[in-house]
């Protein structure tokens, strides 16, 4: 896909995210060994590799949640992070989450709701009145993804965000990735499903 038409974040010079020789070990156990990559606004990257190779750890390092043993991560703007397991309030509704996440970004509820509605069929038609505990696993993960994408982050970090999606939702997810990239967001997706790698600009295989 031609990303040259990406808009919204292009005014910031330099890569949206730059990872330079990041290594991580827990005690004597190495997890990541001198990983480097960079993404421009509007580009997408899939991180692949077998279980335990450090995919989720790398994403947490990029999100600033984990400090690497060595190396640096440079972000030119805010990052939105969607964990593999939905981190949501069980007794809160989708509308509550839009108020909660939106207010932390200086957004009104109306602005947050309008932004989610503009994210397309995958995220725009969630039942906002249901408590999270009454949502299916797939719909809870859609809400998780919507909250991560609020406020138009410059970088979007997605850790297997399609957990519980049916086939239609899974295909809509990749359409949503295209939507974010066209808006100038750099998107990183951790995935173990290899059939859609042609949908991203770059692939990083941590299993090598």
N, C-alpha and C. Protein backbone atom coordinates (compact mmCIF):
# COMPACT_ATOMS: atom_id res chain seq x y z
N UNK A 1 0.85 -1.20 0.00
CA UNK A 1 0.00 0.00 0.00
C UNK A 1 0.88 1.24 0.00
N UNK A 2 0.48 2.24 -0.78
CA UNK A 2 1.21 3.50 -0.84
C UNK A 2 0.86 4.34 0.38
N UNK A 3 1.87 4.57 1.24
CA UNK A 3 1.64 5.36 2.46
C UNK A 3 1.93 6.84 2.23
N UNK A 4 2.25 7.24 1.01
CA UNK A 4 2.66 8.62 0.79
C UNK A 4 1.54 9.61 1.04
N UNK A 5 0.29 9.13 1.09
CA UNK A 5 -0.84 10.02 1.33
C UNK A 5 -1.17 10.15 2.81
N UNK A 6 -0.37 9.53 3.69
CA UNK A 6 -0.64 9.59 5.13
C UNK A 6 -0.65 11.03 5.60
N UNK A 7 -1.61 11.36 6.44
CA UNK A 7 -1.75 12.72 6.96
C UNK A 7 -2.00 12.64 8.46
N UNK A 8 -1.82 13.77 9.13
CA UNK A 8 -2.22 13.87 10.52
C UNK A 8 -1.03 13.96 11.45
N UNK A 9 0.07 13.21 11.15
CA UNK A 9 1.24 13.25 12.01
C UNK A 9 2.50 13.58 11.21
N UNK A 10 2.38 13.81 9.91
CA UNK A 10 3.54 14.02 9.05
C UNK A 10 4.33 15.27 9.43
N UNK A 11 3.69 16.20 10.13
CA UNK A 11 4.37 17.44 10.43
C UNK A 11 5.51 17.24 11.42
N UNK A 12 5.58 16.12 12.11
CA UNK A 12 6.66 15.83 13.05
C UNK A 12 7.80 15.17 12.29
N UNK A 13 9.00 15.78 12.32
CA UNK A 13 10.13 15.27 11.55
C UNK A 13 10.69 14.01 12.20
N UNK A 14 11.28 13.15 11.37
CA UNK A 14 11.97 11.97 11.87
C UNK A 14 11.04 10.79 12.07
N UNK A 15 11.61 9.63 12.43
CA UNK A 15 10.80 8.43 12.64
C UNK A 15 9.77 8.62 13.76
N UNK A 16 8.63 7.95 13.62
CA UNK A 16 7.64 7.97 14.70
C UNK A 16 8.16 7.20 15.90
N UNK A 17 8.89 6.10 15.65
CA UNK A 17 9.50 5.31 16.72
C UNK A 17 10.82 4.75 16.21
N UNK A 18 11.82 4.78 17.07
CA UNK A 18 13.13 4.22 16.73
C UNK A 18 13.61 3.37 17.90
N UNK A 19 13.84 2.11 17.63
CA UNK A 19 14.34 1.15 18.63
C UNK A 19 15.79 0.85 18.28
N UNK A 20 16.70 1.10 19.21
CA UNK A 20 18.13 1.00 18.93
C UNK A 20 18.79 0.00 19.88
N UNK A 21 19.12 -1.16 19.33
CA UNK A 21 19.91 -2.20 20.03
C UNK A 21 19.35 -2.53 21.42
N UNK A 22 18.06 -2.79 21.45
CA UNK A 22 17.40 -3.12 22.71
C UNK A 22 17.64 -4.59 23.05
N UNK A 23 18.14 -4.81 24.26
CA UNK A 23 18.34 -6.16 24.79
C UNK A 23 17.64 -6.26 26.13
N UNK A 24 17.21 -7.47 26.45
CA UNK A 24 16.52 -7.71 27.72
C UNK A 24 16.86 -9.09 28.22
N UNK A 25 17.19 -9.17 29.49
CA UNK A 25 17.39 -10.47 30.13
C UNK A 25 16.80 -10.44 31.52
N UNK A 26 16.28 -11.56 31.94
CA UNK A 26 15.77 -11.73 33.30
C UNK A 26 16.73 -12.65 34.02
N UNK A 27 17.53 -12.09 34.92
CA UNK A 27 18.59 -12.87 35.54
C UNK A 27 19.60 -13.26 34.47
N UNK A 28 19.83 -14.55 34.33
CA UNK A 28 20.76 -15.04 33.31
C UNK A 28 20.07 -15.41 32.01
N UNK A 29 18.74 -15.25 31.98
CA UNK A 29 17.96 -15.68 30.82
C UNK A 29 17.81 -14.53 29.82
N UNK A 30 18.45 -14.62 28.64
CA UNK A 30 18.25 -13.57 27.64
C UNK A 30 16.88 -13.71 26.97
N UNK A 31 16.22 -12.59 26.76
CA UNK A 31 14.91 -12.57 26.10
C UNK A 31 15.00 -11.86 24.75
N UNK A 32 15.67 -10.71 24.72
CA UNK A 32 15.87 -9.96 23.49
C UNK A 32 17.35 -9.64 23.34
N UNK A 33 17.84 -9.70 22.11
CA UNK A 33 19.27 -9.51 21.87
C UNK A 33 19.48 -8.46 20.78
N UNK A 34 19.76 -7.23 21.19
CA UNK A 34 20.14 -6.15 20.29
C UNK A 34 19.15 -5.97 19.13
N UNK A 35 17.90 -5.72 19.48
CA UNK A 35 16.84 -5.52 18.48
C UNK A 35 16.81 -4.05 18.06
N UNK A 36 16.80 -3.81 16.75
CA UNK A 36 16.74 -2.45 16.23
C UNK A 36 15.75 -2.38 15.08
N UNK A 37 14.97 -1.30 15.03
CA UNK A 37 14.12 -0.99 13.90
C UNK A 37 13.61 0.44 14.06
N UNK A 38 13.08 1.00 12.97
CA UNK A 38 12.43 2.29 13.05
C UNK A 38 11.25 2.31 12.10
N UNK A 39 10.24 3.11 12.44
CA UNK A 39 9.05 3.26 11.62
C UNK A 39 8.75 4.73 11.41
N UNK A 40 8.40 5.07 10.17
CA UNK A 40 7.94 6.41 9.86
C UNK A 40 6.43 6.51 10.08
N UNK A 41 5.91 7.71 10.11
CA UNK A 41 4.47 7.91 10.20
C UNK A 41 3.78 7.21 9.03
N UNK A 42 2.71 6.46 9.35
CA UNK A 42 1.95 5.78 8.32
C UNK A 42 2.47 4.41 7.93
N UNK A 43 3.56 3.96 8.53
CA UNK A 43 4.10 2.63 8.24
C UNK A 43 3.60 1.62 9.26
N UNK A 44 3.61 0.35 8.87
CA UNK A 44 3.17 -0.73 9.77
C UNK A 44 4.23 -1.81 9.84
N UNK A 45 4.29 -2.46 11.00
CA UNK A 45 5.27 -3.51 11.28
C UNK A 45 4.59 -4.65 11.99
N UNK A 46 4.82 -5.88 11.53
CA UNK A 46 4.36 -7.08 12.25
C UNK A 46 5.56 -7.70 12.95
N UNK A 47 5.39 -8.01 14.25
CA UNK A 47 6.42 -8.71 15.01
C UNK A 47 5.97 -10.16 15.17
N UNK A 48 6.78 -11.09 14.68
CA UNK A 48 6.43 -12.50 14.72
C UNK A 48 7.52 -13.29 15.42
N UNK A 49 7.26 -14.58 15.66
CA UNK A 49 8.22 -15.46 16.32
C UNK A 49 7.51 -16.41 17.26
N UNK A 50 8.19 -17.49 17.62
CA UNK A 50 7.56 -18.49 18.47
C UNK A 50 7.32 -17.97 19.88
N UNK A 51 6.50 -18.69 20.64
CA UNK A 51 6.22 -18.30 22.02
C UNK A 51 7.51 -18.19 22.82
N UNK A 52 7.60 -17.13 23.62
CA UNK A 52 8.74 -16.96 24.50
C UNK A 52 9.92 -16.24 23.88
N UNK A 53 9.77 -15.75 22.64
CA UNK A 53 10.91 -15.10 21.98
C UNK A 53 10.99 -13.61 22.31
N UNK A 54 10.03 -13.08 23.09
CA UNK A 54 10.13 -11.71 23.56
C UNK A 54 9.25 -10.71 22.84
N UNK A 55 8.26 -11.18 22.07
CA UNK A 55 7.40 -10.25 21.31
C UNK A 55 6.67 -9.29 22.24
N UNK A 56 5.95 -9.83 23.23
CA UNK A 56 5.19 -8.98 24.15
C UNK A 56 6.11 -8.12 25.00
N UNK A 57 7.26 -8.66 25.38
CA UNK A 57 8.23 -7.89 26.16
C UNK A 57 8.71 -6.68 25.37
N UNK A 58 8.99 -6.88 24.09
CA UNK A 58 9.45 -5.78 23.25
C UNK A 58 8.37 -4.70 23.15
N UNK A 59 7.12 -5.12 23.01
CA UNK A 59 6.04 -4.14 22.91
C UNK A 59 5.91 -3.34 24.21
N UNK A 60 6.05 -4.02 25.36
CA UNK A 60 5.98 -3.32 26.64
C UNK A 60 7.14 -2.35 26.81
N UNK A 61 8.30 -2.71 26.29
CA UNK A 61 9.44 -1.80 26.33
C UNK A 61 9.14 -0.56 25.48
N UNK A 62 8.57 -0.77 24.30
CA UNK A 62 8.21 0.36 23.43
C UNK A 62 7.17 1.26 24.09
N UNK A 63 6.28 0.65 24.90
CA UNK A 63 5.23 1.41 25.58
C UNK A 63 5.74 2.10 26.84
N UNK A 64 6.97 1.81 27.24
CA UNK A 64 7.53 2.42 28.44
C UNK A 64 7.13 1.72 29.72
N UNK A 65 6.58 0.51 29.62
CA UNK A 65 6.13 -0.23 30.79
C UNK A 65 7.24 -1.09 31.39
N UNK A 66 8.25 -1.42 30.58
CA UNK A 66 9.38 -2.24 31.02
C UNK A 66 10.66 -1.54 30.58
N UNK A 67 11.65 -1.51 31.46
CA UNK A 67 12.95 -0.91 31.14
C UNK A 67 13.89 -1.98 30.61
N UNK A 68 14.46 -1.79 29.42
CA UNK A 68 15.35 -2.82 28.87
C UNK A 68 16.67 -2.89 29.61
N UNK A 69 17.34 -4.01 29.50
CA UNK A 69 18.66 -4.16 30.09
C UNK A 69 19.64 -3.20 29.43
N UNK A 70 19.51 -3.03 28.11
CA UNK A 70 20.33 -2.07 27.38
C UNK A 70 19.58 -1.65 26.12
N UNK A 71 20.04 -0.55 25.53
CA UNK A 71 19.40 -0.03 24.33
C UNK A 71 18.39 1.06 24.65
N UNK A 72 17.88 1.69 23.60
CA UNK A 72 16.97 2.82 23.77
C UNK A 72 15.77 2.72 22.83
N UNK A 73 14.67 3.34 23.26
CA UNK A 73 13.48 3.52 22.42
C UNK A 73 13.17 5.00 22.39
N UNK A 74 13.05 5.56 21.19
CA UNK A 74 12.75 6.97 21.03
C UNK A 74 11.42 7.12 20.31
N UNK A 75 10.48 7.80 20.97
CA UNK A 75 9.16 8.07 20.39
C UNK A 75 9.05 9.56 20.11
N UNK A 76 8.57 9.92 18.93
CA UNK A 76 8.32 11.34 18.64
C UNK A 76 6.83 11.59 18.72
N UNK A 77 6.30 11.47 19.92
CA UNK A 77 4.86 11.62 20.14
C UNK A 77 4.35 10.56 21.10
N UNK A 78 3.05 10.55 21.30
CA UNK A 78 2.44 9.63 22.26
C UNK A 78 2.18 8.27 21.62
N UNK A 79 2.29 7.21 22.43
CA UNK A 79 1.99 5.85 21.99
C UNK A 79 0.71 5.36 22.65
N UNK A 80 -0.11 4.65 21.89
CA UNK A 80 -1.26 3.95 22.44
C UNK A 80 -0.95 2.46 22.49
N UNK A 81 -1.28 1.81 23.61
CA UNK A 81 -0.90 0.41 23.83
C UNK A 81 -2.14 -0.44 24.09
N UNK A 82 -2.29 -1.51 23.31
CA UNK A 82 -3.38 -2.46 23.48
C UNK A 82 -2.80 -3.80 23.90
N UNK A 83 -2.94 -4.20 25.18
CA UNK A 83 -2.38 -5.47 25.64
C UNK A 83 -3.16 -6.66 25.08
N UNK A 84 -2.54 -7.82 25.17
CA UNK A 84 -3.15 -9.04 24.65
C UNK A 84 -4.45 -9.38 25.37
N UNK A 85 -4.46 -9.17 26.68
CA UNK A 85 -5.67 -9.40 27.46
C UNK A 85 -6.30 -8.07 27.83
N UNK A 86 -7.58 -7.94 27.58
CA UNK A 86 -8.27 -6.67 27.80
C UNK A 86 -8.12 -6.21 29.25
N UNK A 87 -7.61 -4.99 29.42
CA UNK A 87 -7.41 -4.43 30.75
C UNK A 87 -8.50 -3.38 30.99
N UNK A 88 -9.68 -3.88 31.36
CA UNK A 88 -10.86 -3.03 31.44
C UNK A 88 -11.57 -3.22 32.78
N UNK A 89 -12.41 -2.25 33.13
CA UNK A 89 -13.20 -2.35 34.35
C UNK A 89 -14.43 -3.21 34.13
N UNK A 90 -14.54 -4.31 34.85
CA UNK A 90 -15.62 -5.27 34.61
C UNK A 90 -17.01 -4.67 34.79
N UNK A 91 -17.15 -3.72 35.73
CA UNK A 91 -18.46 -3.16 36.03
C UNK A 91 -18.69 -1.81 35.33
N UNK A 92 -17.79 -1.44 34.43
CA UNK A 92 -17.93 -0.21 33.66
C UNK A 92 -18.44 -0.54 32.26
N UNK A 93 -19.17 0.39 31.67
CA UNK A 93 -19.66 0.21 30.31
C UNK A 93 -18.63 0.76 29.31
N UNK A 94 -18.88 0.52 28.02
CA UNK A 94 -18.01 1.10 26.99
C UNK A 94 -18.04 2.62 27.09
N UNK A 95 -19.23 3.19 27.32
CA UNK A 95 -19.34 4.64 27.45
C UNK A 95 -18.51 5.15 28.62
N UNK A 96 -18.52 4.41 29.73
CA UNK A 96 -17.69 4.78 30.89
C UNK A 96 -16.21 4.82 30.50
N UNK A 97 -15.79 3.83 29.72
CA UNK A 97 -14.39 3.76 29.31
C UNK A 97 -14.01 4.92 28.39
N UNK A 98 -14.92 5.31 27.50
CA UNK A 98 -14.63 6.44 26.62
C UNK A 98 -14.49 7.72 27.45
N UNK A 99 -15.33 7.87 28.48
CA UNK A 99 -15.19 9.04 29.37
C UNK A 99 -13.87 8.99 30.12
N UNK A 100 -13.54 7.79 30.64
CA UNK A 100 -12.36 7.60 31.48
C UNK A 100 -11.09 7.83 30.67
N UNK A 101 -10.92 7.10 29.57
CA UNK A 101 -9.72 7.23 28.75
C UNK A 101 -9.68 8.60 28.08
N UNK A 102 -10.84 9.06 27.60
CA UNK A 102 -10.87 10.35 26.92
C UNK A 102 -10.47 11.50 27.83
N UNK A 103 -10.97 11.49 29.07
CA UNK A 103 -10.65 12.59 30.00
C UNK A 103 -9.16 12.63 30.31
N UNK A 104 -8.51 11.45 30.34
CA UNK A 104 -7.06 11.42 30.60
C UNK A 104 -6.27 12.03 29.45
N UNK A 105 -6.92 12.14 28.27
CA UNK A 105 -6.28 12.73 27.09
C UNK A 105 -6.79 14.13 26.81
N UNK A 106 -7.58 14.68 27.75
CA UNK A 106 -8.12 16.02 27.57
C UNK A 106 -9.28 16.08 26.60
N UNK A 107 -9.97 14.96 26.38
CA UNK A 107 -11.09 14.90 25.45
C UNK A 107 -12.40 14.88 26.21
N UNK A 108 -13.43 15.49 25.64
CA UNK A 108 -14.76 15.35 26.19
C UNK A 108 -15.31 13.98 25.80
N UNK A 109 -16.37 13.55 26.49
CA UNK A 109 -17.00 12.28 26.13
C UNK A 109 -17.50 12.31 24.69
N UNK A 110 -18.09 13.43 24.29
CA UNK A 110 -18.60 13.54 22.93
C UNK A 110 -17.49 13.41 21.89
N UNK A 111 -16.35 14.04 22.16
CA UNK A 111 -15.22 13.93 21.24
C UNK A 111 -14.72 12.49 21.15
N UNK A 112 -14.63 11.81 22.31
CA UNK A 112 -14.15 10.43 22.32
C UNK A 112 -15.12 9.52 21.58
N UNK A 113 -16.41 9.69 21.82
CA UNK A 113 -17.41 8.86 21.15
C UNK A 113 -17.40 9.10 19.64
N UNK A 114 -17.25 10.34 19.23
CA UNK A 114 -17.21 10.65 17.80
C UNK A 114 -15.98 10.04 17.15
N UNK A 115 -14.85 10.08 17.86
CA UNK A 115 -13.63 9.50 17.31
C UNK A 115 -13.76 7.99 17.13
N UNK A 116 -14.33 7.31 18.12
CA UNK A 116 -14.52 5.86 18.01
C UNK A 116 -15.49 5.53 16.88
N UNK A 117 -16.53 6.33 16.74
CA UNK A 117 -17.51 6.11 15.66
C UNK A 117 -16.85 6.20 14.29
N UNK A 118 -15.80 7.01 14.20
CA UNK A 118 -15.10 7.17 12.93
C UNK A 118 -14.09 6.09 12.65
N UNK A 119 -13.96 5.11 13.56
CA UNK A 119 -12.99 4.03 13.37
C UNK A 119 -13.54 2.87 12.54
N UNK A 120 -14.74 3.03 12.01
CA UNK A 120 -15.26 2.01 11.10
C UNK A 120 -16.12 0.98 11.79
N UNK A 121 -16.54 -0.03 11.01
CA UNK A 121 -17.49 -1.03 11.49
C UNK A 121 -16.97 -1.84 12.66
N UNK A 122 -15.66 -2.10 12.70
CA UNK A 122 -15.12 -2.97 13.75
C UNK A 122 -15.35 -2.40 15.14
N UNK A 123 -15.12 -1.09 15.30
CA UNK A 123 -15.19 -0.47 16.63
C UNK A 123 -16.36 0.49 16.78
N UNK A 124 -16.94 0.91 15.68
CA UNK A 124 -17.93 1.97 15.74
C UNK A 124 -19.31 1.54 16.17
N UNK A 125 -19.58 0.22 16.28
CA UNK A 125 -20.94 -0.23 16.58
C UNK A 125 -21.02 -1.05 17.87
N UNK A 126 -20.10 -0.83 18.79
CA UNK A 126 -20.17 -1.51 20.08
C UNK A 126 -21.36 -0.97 20.88
N UNK A 127 -21.99 -1.86 21.64
CA UNK A 127 -23.08 -1.45 22.53
C UNK A 127 -22.47 -0.73 23.73
N UNK A 128 -22.61 0.58 23.76
CA UNK A 128 -21.97 1.37 24.80
C UNK A 128 -22.59 1.24 26.17
N UNK A 129 -23.79 0.64 26.28
CA UNK A 129 -24.50 0.59 27.55
C UNK A 129 -24.23 -0.68 28.36
N UNK A 130 -23.58 -1.69 27.76
CA UNK A 130 -23.33 -2.94 28.46
C UNK A 130 -22.08 -2.87 29.32
N UNK A 131 -22.17 -3.43 30.54
CA UNK A 131 -20.97 -3.56 31.35
C UNK A 131 -20.02 -4.56 30.69
N UNK A 132 -18.73 -4.34 30.90
CA UNK A 132 -17.72 -5.19 30.29
C UNK A 132 -17.92 -6.66 30.65
N UNK A 133 -18.36 -6.93 31.86
CA UNK A 133 -18.54 -8.33 32.28
C UNK A 133 -19.61 -9.04 31.47
N UNK A 134 -20.47 -8.29 30.78
CA UNK A 134 -21.51 -8.89 29.96
C UNK A 134 -21.17 -8.91 28.46
N UNK A 135 -19.97 -8.43 28.12
CA UNK A 135 -19.53 -8.45 26.73
C UNK A 135 -18.88 -9.79 26.41
N UNK A 136 -18.97 -10.21 25.15
CA UNK A 136 -18.21 -11.37 24.71
C UNK A 136 -16.72 -11.03 24.74
N UNK A 137 -15.88 -12.05 24.70
CA UNK A 137 -14.44 -11.82 24.71
C UNK A 137 -14.00 -10.97 23.53
N UNK A 138 -14.60 -11.23 22.35
CA UNK A 138 -14.23 -10.46 21.18
C UNK A 138 -14.63 -9.00 21.29
N UNK A 139 -15.82 -8.72 21.82
CA UNK A 139 -16.27 -7.33 21.96
C UNK A 139 -15.48 -6.60 23.04
N UNK A 140 -15.09 -7.31 24.10
CA UNK A 140 -14.25 -6.69 25.12
C UNK A 140 -12.91 -6.30 24.52
N UNK A 141 -12.38 -7.14 23.63
CA UNK A 141 -11.10 -6.82 23.01
C UNK A 141 -11.25 -5.66 22.02
N UNK A 142 -12.40 -5.55 21.37
CA UNK A 142 -12.65 -4.39 20.49
C UNK A 142 -12.65 -3.10 21.30
N UNK A 143 -13.26 -3.14 22.48
CA UNK A 143 -13.26 -1.97 23.35
C UNK A 143 -11.84 -1.64 23.81
N UNK A 144 -11.07 -2.67 24.13
CA UNK A 144 -9.68 -2.51 24.51
C UNK A 144 -8.90 -1.79 23.41
N UNK A 145 -9.14 -2.21 22.17
CA UNK A 145 -8.47 -1.61 21.02
C UNK A 145 -8.91 -0.17 20.81
N UNK A 146 -10.21 0.09 20.95
CA UNK A 146 -10.73 1.45 20.77
C UNK A 146 -10.11 2.41 21.79
N UNK A 147 -10.00 1.97 23.03
CA UNK A 147 -9.42 2.83 24.07
C UNK A 147 -7.95 3.13 23.78
N UNK A 148 -7.22 2.14 23.27
CA UNK A 148 -5.81 2.34 22.94
C UNK A 148 -5.63 3.35 21.82
N UNK A 149 -6.60 3.39 20.89
CA UNK A 149 -6.48 4.25 19.72
C UNK A 149 -7.04 5.66 19.93
N UNK A 150 -7.66 5.90 21.10
CA UNK A 150 -8.23 7.23 21.36
C UNK A 150 -7.14 8.31 21.37
N UNK A 151 -7.51 9.50 20.94
CA UNK A 151 -6.59 10.62 21.02
C UNK A 151 -5.56 10.66 19.90
N UNK A 152 -5.73 9.84 18.89
CA UNK A 152 -4.86 9.82 17.72
C UNK A 152 -3.38 9.76 18.12
N UNK A 153 -2.95 8.65 18.74
CA UNK A 153 -1.53 8.51 19.09
C UNK A 153 -0.67 8.49 17.83
N UNK A 154 0.57 8.87 17.97
CA UNK A 154 1.50 8.82 16.82
C UNK A 154 1.93 7.39 16.53
N UNK A 155 1.99 6.56 17.58
CA UNK A 155 2.38 5.16 17.45
C UNK A 155 1.33 4.30 18.14
N UNK A 156 0.90 3.23 17.49
CA UNK A 156 -0.09 2.32 18.06
C UNK A 156 0.56 0.94 18.22
N UNK A 157 0.60 0.44 19.46
CA UNK A 157 1.26 -0.82 19.81
C UNK A 157 0.19 -1.85 20.14
N UNK A 158 0.07 -2.89 19.32
CA UNK A 158 -1.04 -3.85 19.43
C UNK A 158 -0.49 -5.26 19.64
N UNK A 159 -0.81 -5.84 20.79
CA UNK A 159 -0.31 -7.17 21.14
C UNK A 159 -1.41 -8.21 20.89
N UNK A 160 -1.37 -8.87 19.72
CA UNK A 160 -2.38 -9.85 19.33
C UNK A 160 -3.79 -9.34 19.68
N UNK A 161 -4.17 -8.20 19.13
CA UNK A 161 -5.39 -7.51 19.57
C UNK A 161 -6.68 -8.13 19.07
N UNK A 162 -6.59 -9.17 18.27
CA UNK A 162 -7.78 -9.77 17.66
C UNK A 162 -8.27 -10.99 18.43
N UNK A 163 -7.84 -11.19 19.67
CA UNK A 163 -8.26 -12.34 20.46
C UNK A 163 -9.79 -12.37 20.57
N UNK A 164 -10.40 -13.49 20.21
CA UNK A 164 -11.84 -13.64 20.32
C UNK A 164 -12.62 -13.11 19.13
N UNK A 165 -11.93 -12.55 18.12
CA UNK A 165 -12.63 -12.03 16.94
C UNK A 165 -13.14 -13.18 16.08
N UNK A 166 -14.32 -13.00 15.49
CA UNK A 166 -14.77 -13.95 14.47
C UNK A 166 -14.08 -13.59 13.15
N UNK A 167 -14.33 -14.39 12.11
CA UNK A 167 -13.62 -14.20 10.84
C UNK A 167 -13.87 -12.81 10.25
N UNK A 168 -15.13 -12.36 10.29
CA UNK A 168 -15.45 -11.05 9.75
C UNK A 168 -14.75 -9.94 10.49
N UNK A 169 -14.73 -10.03 11.82
CA UNK A 169 -14.07 -9.00 12.64
C UNK A 169 -12.57 -9.00 12.40
N UNK A 170 -12.00 -10.21 12.20
CA UNK A 170 -10.57 -10.32 11.94
C UNK A 170 -10.21 -9.60 10.63
N UNK A 171 -11.02 -9.76 9.60
CA UNK A 171 -10.76 -9.08 8.33
C UNK A 171 -10.97 -7.57 8.48
N UNK A 172 -12.00 -7.17 9.25
CA UNK A 172 -12.23 -5.75 9.51
C UNK A 172 -11.06 -5.13 10.27
N UNK A 173 -10.42 -5.93 11.12
CA UNK A 173 -9.27 -5.45 11.88
C UNK A 173 -8.16 -4.96 10.94
N UNK A 174 -7.86 -5.73 9.91
CA UNK A 174 -6.80 -5.33 8.99
C UNK A 174 -7.21 -4.10 8.17
N UNK A 175 -8.50 -3.97 7.90
CA UNK A 175 -8.97 -2.74 7.26
C UNK A 175 -8.74 -1.54 8.19
N UNK A 176 -8.93 -1.77 9.50
CA UNK A 176 -8.72 -0.70 10.47
C UNK A 176 -7.24 -0.31 10.53
N UNK A 177 -6.34 -1.27 10.43
CA UNK A 177 -4.91 -0.97 10.40
C UNK A 177 -4.60 -0.06 9.22
N UNK A 178 -5.17 -0.39 8.05
CA UNK A 178 -5.00 0.47 6.88
C UNK A 178 -5.50 1.89 7.16
N UNK A 179 -6.65 1.98 7.84
CA UNK A 179 -7.24 3.28 8.19
C UNK A 179 -6.28 4.09 9.06
N UNK A 180 -5.71 3.46 10.07
CA UNK A 180 -4.79 4.17 10.97
C UNK A 180 -3.55 4.63 10.21
N UNK A 181 -3.01 3.76 9.36
CA UNK A 181 -1.80 4.12 8.61
C UNK A 181 -2.07 5.28 7.66
N UNK A 182 -3.22 5.28 7.01
CA UNK A 182 -3.56 6.39 6.12
C UNK A 182 -3.68 7.70 6.88
N UNK A 183 -4.01 7.60 8.17
CA UNK A 183 -4.11 8.79 9.02
C UNK A 183 -2.75 9.21 9.56
N UNK A 184 -1.68 8.48 9.21
CA UNK A 184 -0.34 8.87 9.62
C UNK A 184 0.14 8.24 10.90
N UNK A 185 -0.56 7.22 11.40
CA UNK A 185 -0.15 6.52 12.61
C UNK A 185 0.82 5.40 12.25
N UNK A 186 1.91 5.26 12.99
CA UNK A 186 2.80 4.10 12.85
C UNK A 186 2.22 2.98 13.70
N UNK A 187 2.00 1.81 13.10
CA UNK A 187 1.31 0.71 13.78
C UNK A 187 2.23 -0.50 13.89
N UNK A 188 2.36 -1.03 15.11
CA UNK A 188 3.13 -2.24 15.36
C UNK A 188 2.17 -3.30 15.88
N UNK A 189 2.15 -4.47 15.22
CA UNK A 189 1.24 -5.55 15.59
C UNK A 189 2.04 -6.79 15.93
N UNK A 190 1.90 -7.29 17.15
CA UNK A 190 2.43 -8.60 17.49
C UNK A 190 1.41 -9.64 17.04
N UNK A 191 1.87 -10.62 16.26
CA UNK A 191 0.94 -11.62 15.73
C UNK A 191 1.62 -12.98 15.59
N UNK A 192 0.82 -14.03 15.73
CA UNK A 192 1.31 -15.37 15.42
C UNK A 192 0.59 -15.93 14.19
N UNK A 193 -0.28 -15.12 13.58
CA UNK A 193 -1.00 -15.52 12.37
C UNK A 193 -0.29 -14.90 11.17
N UNK A 194 0.26 -15.74 10.31
CA UNK A 194 1.17 -15.27 9.28
C UNK A 194 0.51 -15.00 7.94
N UNK A 195 -0.79 -15.29 7.83
CA UNK A 195 -1.41 -15.19 6.51
C UNK A 195 -1.63 -13.77 6.04
N UNK A 196 -1.56 -12.80 6.94
CA UNK A 196 -1.83 -11.41 6.57
C UNK A 196 -0.57 -10.55 6.55
N UNK A 197 0.61 -11.18 6.52
CA UNK A 197 1.84 -10.39 6.57
C UNK A 197 2.02 -9.50 5.35
N UNK A 198 1.32 -9.84 4.27
CA UNK A 198 1.37 -8.97 3.09
C UNK A 198 0.64 -7.64 3.32
N UNK A 199 -0.10 -7.54 4.44
CA UNK A 199 -0.85 -6.32 4.72
C UNK A 199 0.00 -5.27 5.44
N UNK A 200 1.22 -5.62 5.85
CA UNK A 200 2.07 -4.67 6.57
C UNK A 200 3.28 -4.30 5.72
N UNK A 201 3.93 -3.20 6.09
CA UNK A 201 5.10 -2.73 5.35
C UNK A 201 6.38 -3.46 5.71
N UNK A 202 6.48 -3.89 6.98
CA UNK A 202 7.70 -4.51 7.46
C UNK A 202 7.36 -5.68 8.38
N UNK A 203 8.26 -6.66 8.46
CA UNK A 203 8.10 -7.81 9.35
C UNK A 203 9.39 -7.98 10.14
N UNK A 204 9.25 -8.09 11.46
CA UNK A 204 10.39 -8.36 12.34
C UNK A 204 10.20 -9.73 12.95
N UNK A 205 11.09 -10.67 12.61
CA UNK A 205 11.01 -12.05 13.12
C UNK A 205 11.99 -12.21 14.28
N UNK A 206 11.45 -12.24 15.50
CA UNK A 206 12.29 -12.39 16.69
C UNK A 206 12.72 -13.83 16.91
N UNK A 207 12.17 -14.76 16.13
CA UNK A 207 12.53 -16.16 16.29
C UNK A 207 13.82 -16.54 15.60
N UNK A 208 14.34 -15.64 14.79
CA UNK A 208 15.58 -15.95 14.07
C UNK A 208 16.78 -15.85 14.99
